[in-house]
Amino acid sequence: MRHDWIMDVLTDLRSYARTNGLQALAEQLDDARLLVQVELASQGEDGRIGICGTGDGPGRAVRAVGDR
């Protein structure tokens, strides 16, 4: 995956924050790591992030985030 490096950076920053007593920052970085995982997992084939999948059925998005 071409974005794996961002997880390494966030992990290093979280370790630094914990080591230096920046607990609130460490917790925010945990949240950021989870958000990265969700976004990367939900990317469509064209690289845009989907909302709820594709299709016309109930509860489905017909477009990706950023489309108008």
N, C-alpha and C. Protein backbone atom coordinates (compact mmCIF):
# COMPACT_ATOMS: atom_id res chain seq x y z
N MET A 1 0.85 -1.17 0.00
CA MET A 1 0.00 0.00 0.00
C MET A 1 0.90 1.24 0.00
N ARG A 2 0.54 2.21 -0.79
CA ARG A 2 1.42 3.36 -0.97
C ARG A 2 1.37 4.36 0.18
N HIS A 3 0.44 4.22 1.11
CA HIS A 3 0.30 5.16 2.22
C HIS A 3 0.73 4.57 3.56
N ASP A 4 1.38 3.41 3.55
CA ASP A 4 1.79 2.77 4.81
C ASP A 4 2.70 3.66 5.64
N TRP A 5 3.48 4.49 5.00
CA TRP A 5 4.44 5.33 5.71
C TRP A 5 3.76 6.24 6.73
N ILE A 6 2.53 6.67 6.46
CA ILE A 6 1.86 7.59 7.38
C ILE A 6 1.59 6.92 8.72
N MET A 7 1.31 5.62 8.71
CA MET A 7 1.11 4.91 9.97
C MET A 7 2.40 4.87 10.78
N ASP A 8 3.54 4.70 10.10
CA ASP A 8 4.83 4.71 10.79
C ASP A 8 5.09 6.07 11.43
N VAL A 9 4.80 7.13 10.71
CA VAL A 9 5.02 8.48 11.23
C VAL A 9 4.13 8.73 12.45
N LEU A 10 2.84 8.38 12.35
CA LEU A 10 1.93 8.59 13.47
C LEU A 10 2.32 7.75 14.68
N THR A 11 2.80 6.54 14.44
CA THR A 11 3.26 5.69 15.55
C THR A 11 4.47 6.30 16.24
N ASP A 12 5.41 6.81 15.46
CA ASP A 12 6.60 7.46 16.04
C ASP A 12 6.20 8.71 16.84
N LEU A 13 5.30 9.50 16.30
CA LEU A 13 4.85 10.70 17.01
C LEU A 13 4.13 10.33 18.31
N ARG A 14 3.31 9.27 18.27
CA ARG A 14 2.62 8.82 19.47
C ARG A 14 3.61 8.36 20.53
N SER A 15 4.63 7.63 20.12
CA SER A 15 5.66 7.18 21.07
C SER A 15 6.38 8.36 21.69
N TYR A 16 6.70 9.35 20.88
CA TYR A 16 7.36 10.55 21.39
C TYR A 16 6.47 11.25 22.41
N ALA A 17 5.18 11.39 22.08
CA ALA A 17 4.25 12.07 22.97
C ALA A 17 4.15 11.34 24.31
N ARG A 18 4.03 10.03 24.27
CA ARG A 18 3.94 9.25 25.52
C ARG A 18 5.21 9.36 26.34
N THR A 19 6.35 9.28 25.68
CA THR A 19 7.63 9.34 26.37
C THR A 19 7.84 10.70 27.05
N ASN A 20 7.27 11.74 26.47
CA ASN A 20 7.48 13.09 26.97
C ASN A 20 6.29 13.66 27.73
N GLY A 21 5.41 12.78 28.19
CA GLY A 21 4.31 13.20 29.05
C GLY A 21 3.21 13.99 28.36
N LEU A 22 3.08 13.81 27.07
CA LEU A 22 2.04 14.52 26.31
C LEU A 22 0.88 13.56 26.05
N GLN A 23 0.19 13.20 27.13
CA GLN A 23 -0.83 12.15 27.05
C GLN A 23 -1.98 12.52 26.13
N ALA A 24 -2.47 13.76 26.20
CA ALA A 24 -3.59 14.16 25.34
C ALA A 24 -3.20 14.06 23.87
N LEU A 25 -1.98 14.46 23.55
CA LEU A 25 -1.51 14.36 22.17
C LEU A 25 -1.40 12.89 21.75
N ALA A 26 -0.89 12.05 22.64
CA ALA A 26 -0.77 10.62 22.34
C ALA A 26 -2.14 10.02 22.03
N GLU A 27 -3.15 10.42 22.79
CA GLU A 27 -4.50 9.91 22.55
C GLU A 27 -5.05 10.41 21.21
N GLN A 28 -4.79 11.65 20.88
CA GLN A 28 -5.23 12.19 19.59
C GLN A 28 -4.54 11.47 18.44
N LEU A 29 -3.28 11.13 18.63
CA LEU A 29 -2.55 10.40 17.59
C LEU A 29 -3.09 8.98 17.44
N ASP A 30 -3.54 8.38 18.53
CA ASP A 30 -4.22 7.07 18.43
C ASP A 30 -5.47 7.21 17.56
N ASP A 31 -6.23 8.27 17.80
CA ASP A 31 -7.43 8.51 16.99
C ASP A 31 -7.07 8.74 15.53
N ALA A 32 -5.99 9.48 15.30
CA ALA A 32 -5.55 9.75 13.93
C ALA A 32 -5.16 8.45 13.22
N ARG A 33 -4.50 7.55 13.94
CA ARG A 33 -4.11 6.27 13.34
C ARG A 33 -5.35 5.47 12.93
N LEU A 34 -6.37 5.48 13.78
CA LEU A 34 -7.61 4.78 13.45
C LEU A 34 -8.28 5.40 12.23
N LEU A 35 -8.28 6.72 12.18
CA LEU A 35 -8.89 7.41 11.05
C LEU A 35 -8.16 7.09 9.74
N VAL A 36 -6.84 7.04 9.80
CA VAL A 36 -6.07 6.67 8.60
C VAL A 36 -6.45 5.27 8.15
N GLN A 37 -6.56 4.33 9.09
CA GLN A 37 -6.91 2.96 8.73
C GLN A 37 -8.29 2.90 8.07
N VAL A 38 -9.25 3.64 8.61
CA VAL A 38 -10.59 3.65 8.04
C VAL A 38 -10.57 4.26 6.65
N GLU A 39 -9.90 5.38 6.50
CA GLU A 39 -9.88 6.03 5.19
C GLU A 39 -9.18 5.18 4.14
N LEU A 40 -8.06 4.59 4.51
CA LEU A 40 -7.34 3.77 3.54
C LEU A 40 -8.16 2.54 3.16
N ALA A 41 -8.86 1.96 4.13
CA ALA A 41 -9.67 0.78 3.84
C ALA A 41 -10.87 1.10 2.96
N SER A 42 -11.34 2.35 3.01
CA SER A 42 -12.54 2.70 2.27
C SER A 42 -12.28 3.40 0.95
N GLN A 43 -11.02 3.51 0.55
CA GLN A 43 -10.72 4.17 -0.72
C GLN A 43 -11.23 3.35 -1.89
N GLY A 44 -11.79 4.04 -2.85
CA GLY A 44 -12.26 3.39 -4.06
C GLY A 44 -11.10 3.12 -4.99
N GLU A 45 -11.37 2.45 -6.08
CA GLU A 45 -10.33 2.12 -7.06
C GLU A 45 -9.68 3.35 -7.66
N ASP A 46 -10.44 4.46 -7.74
CA ASP A 46 -9.89 5.66 -8.34
C ASP A 46 -9.18 6.54 -7.32
N GLY A 47 -9.02 6.05 -6.07
CA GLY A 47 -8.29 6.77 -5.05
C GLY A 47 -9.15 7.71 -4.22
N ARG A 48 -10.42 7.90 -4.60
CA ARG A 48 -11.29 8.74 -3.81
C ARG A 48 -11.91 7.92 -2.70
N ILE A 49 -12.30 8.56 -1.65
CA ILE A 49 -12.86 7.87 -0.50
C ILE A 49 -14.37 7.79 -0.65
N GLY A 50 -14.91 6.57 -0.57
CA GLY A 50 -16.34 6.37 -0.68
C GLY A 50 -17.04 6.63 0.63
N ILE A 51 -18.33 6.95 0.55
CA ILE A 51 -19.10 7.22 1.76
C ILE A 51 -19.65 5.92 2.33
N CYS A 52 -20.48 5.21 1.57
CA CYS A 52 -21.12 3.98 2.05
C CYS A 52 -21.12 2.92 0.96
N GLY A 53 -20.14 2.89 0.16
CA GLY A 53 -20.13 1.94 -0.94
C GLY A 53 -20.68 2.57 -2.20
N THR A 54 -21.15 1.73 -3.09
CA THR A 54 -21.71 2.23 -4.34
C THR A 54 -23.03 1.56 -4.61
N GLY A 55 -23.78 2.09 -5.53
CA GLY A 55 -25.04 1.49 -5.89
C GLY A 55 -26.19 2.42 -5.63
N ASP A 56 -27.37 2.01 -6.02
CA ASP A 56 -28.55 2.84 -5.91
C ASP A 56 -29.48 2.43 -4.77
N GLY A 57 -29.15 1.36 -4.06
CA GLY A 57 -30.04 0.86 -3.03
C GLY A 57 -30.11 1.76 -1.81
N PRO A 58 -31.06 1.51 -0.93
CA PRO A 58 -31.19 2.30 0.30
C PRO A 58 -29.91 2.26 1.13
N GLY A 59 -29.55 3.39 1.69
CA GLY A 59 -28.36 3.46 2.53
C GLY A 59 -27.07 3.44 1.76
N ARG A 60 -27.14 3.63 0.47
CA ARG A 60 -25.94 3.60 -0.35
C ARG A 60 -25.65 4.98 -0.91
N ALA A 61 -24.39 5.32 -0.97
CA ALA A 61 -23.97 6.57 -1.60
C ALA A 61 -23.77 6.32 -3.08
N VAL A 62 -24.06 7.30 -3.87
CA VAL A 62 -23.90 7.16 -5.30
C VAL A 62 -22.63 7.85 -5.77
N ARG A 63 -22.02 8.61 -4.90
CA ARG A 63 -20.82 9.36 -5.28
C ARG A 63 -19.78 9.29 -4.17
N ALA A 64 -18.57 9.66 -4.49
CA ALA A 64 -17.48 9.66 -3.52
C ALA A 64 -17.40 11.02 -2.84
N VAL A 65 -16.73 11.07 -1.69
CA VAL A 65 -16.51 12.31 -0.99
C VAL A 65 -15.76 13.27 -1.91
N GLY A 66 -16.20 14.49 -1.97
CA GLY A 66 -15.57 15.49 -2.83
C GLY A 66 -16.28 15.67 -4.15
N ASP A 67 -17.10 14.71 -4.55
CA ASP A 67 -17.91 14.87 -5.76
C ASP A 67 -19.06 15.81 -5.46
N ARG A 68 -19.47 16.54 -6.43
CA ARG A 68 -20.63 17.42 -6.26
C ARG A 68 -21.69 17.07 -7.24
